[in-house]
Amino acid sequence: MRVKVDLNLCEANAICCGLAPKVFELDDEDILHVKVDEVPEELEKRVQMAVDRCPKAALSKY
C-alpha cells in the first residue's frame, strides 16, 4: 500500500500523525509529509484509519 497527501486540502490537523507516526510527520511549518514510500504491512490498518478519519479527506491510498 502507498499513501499520499493532497497539500491543497490538508489543514495539518495531525490526526494521521497520531494514528501512524511512523508514516506521517508534520514539519515546523505544519506541512504534512509521508515518511515512507511503501506502507509496511503491520501499519496498513493504522494508515487506513488515518485515511478514513482525515477531516478534509486529504489522504488517499494508491
Protein backbone atom coordinates (compact mmCIF):
# COMPACT_ATOMS: atom_id res chain seq x y z
CA MET A 1 0.00 0.00 0.00
CA ARG A 2 1.08 3.56 -0.71
CA VAL A 3 -0.46 6.74 0.63
CA LYS A 4 -0.30 10.35 -0.50
CA VAL A 5 -1.41 13.69 0.86
CA ASP A 6 -3.16 16.43 -1.09
CA LEU A 7 -1.48 19.51 0.34
CA ASN A 8 -4.23 21.72 -1.09
CA LEU A 9 -6.73 20.00 1.20
CA CYS A 10 -4.60 19.26 4.27
CA GLU A 11 -5.18 21.55 7.27
CA ALA A 12 -2.46 19.95 9.43
CA ASN A 13 -4.93 18.54 11.95
CA ALA A 14 -2.36 15.80 12.67
CA ILE A 15 -4.89 13.05 13.25
CA CYS A 16 -2.86 10.91 10.87
CA CYS A 17 0.33 11.65 12.80
CA GLY A 18 -1.29 10.44 15.99
CA LEU A 19 -2.55 7.26 14.35
CA ALA A 20 0.58 6.39 12.36
CA PRO A 21 3.60 8.45 13.47
CA LYS A 22 5.99 6.13 11.65
CA VAL A 23 4.27 7.05 8.37
CA PHE A 24 3.15 10.69 8.77
CA GLU A 25 5.03 13.73 10.05
CA LEU A 26 4.27 17.44 10.32
CA ASP A 27 7.24 19.71 9.85
CA ASP A 28 7.86 23.03 11.61
CA GLU A 29 5.74 24.83 9.02
CA ASP A 30 2.78 22.44 9.52
CA ILE A 31 3.31 20.72 6.20
CA LEU A 32 2.46 17.03 6.26
CA HIS A 33 4.98 14.54 4.90
CA VAL A 34 4.63 10.85 4.18
CA LYS A 35 7.82 9.33 5.58
CA VAL A 36 7.72 6.03 3.68
CA ASP A 37 7.35 5.05 0.03
CA GLU A 38 5.57 1.82 0.82
CA VAL A 39 3.49 1.43 4.00
CA PRO A 40 4.75 -1.59 5.98
CA GLU A 41 2.13 -4.32 6.23
CA GLU A 42 1.99 -4.06 10.02
CA LEU A 43 0.97 -0.38 9.74
CA GLU A 44 -1.66 -0.72 7.00
CA LYS A 45 -4.63 -0.79 9.41
CA ARG A 46 -3.40 2.38 11.17
CA VAL A 47 -2.89 4.14 7.84
CA GLN A 48 -6.34 3.07 6.68
CA MET A 49 -7.78 4.58 9.86
CA ALA A 50 -5.86 7.80 9.15
CA VAL A 51 -7.25 7.94 5.60
CA ASP A 52 -10.79 7.29 6.87
CA ARG A 53 -10.59 9.84 9.69
CA CYS A 54 -8.91 12.72 7.87
CA PRO A 55 -11.41 15.58 8.34
CA LYS A 56 -10.53 17.13 4.98
CA ALA A 57 -10.16 13.86 3.00
CA ALA A 58 -6.60 14.93 2.16
CA LEU A 59 -5.17 11.40 2.30
CA SER A 60 -5.58 8.71 -0.29
CA LYS A 61 -4.22 5.25 -0.93
CA TYR A 62 -2.84 4.18 -4.27
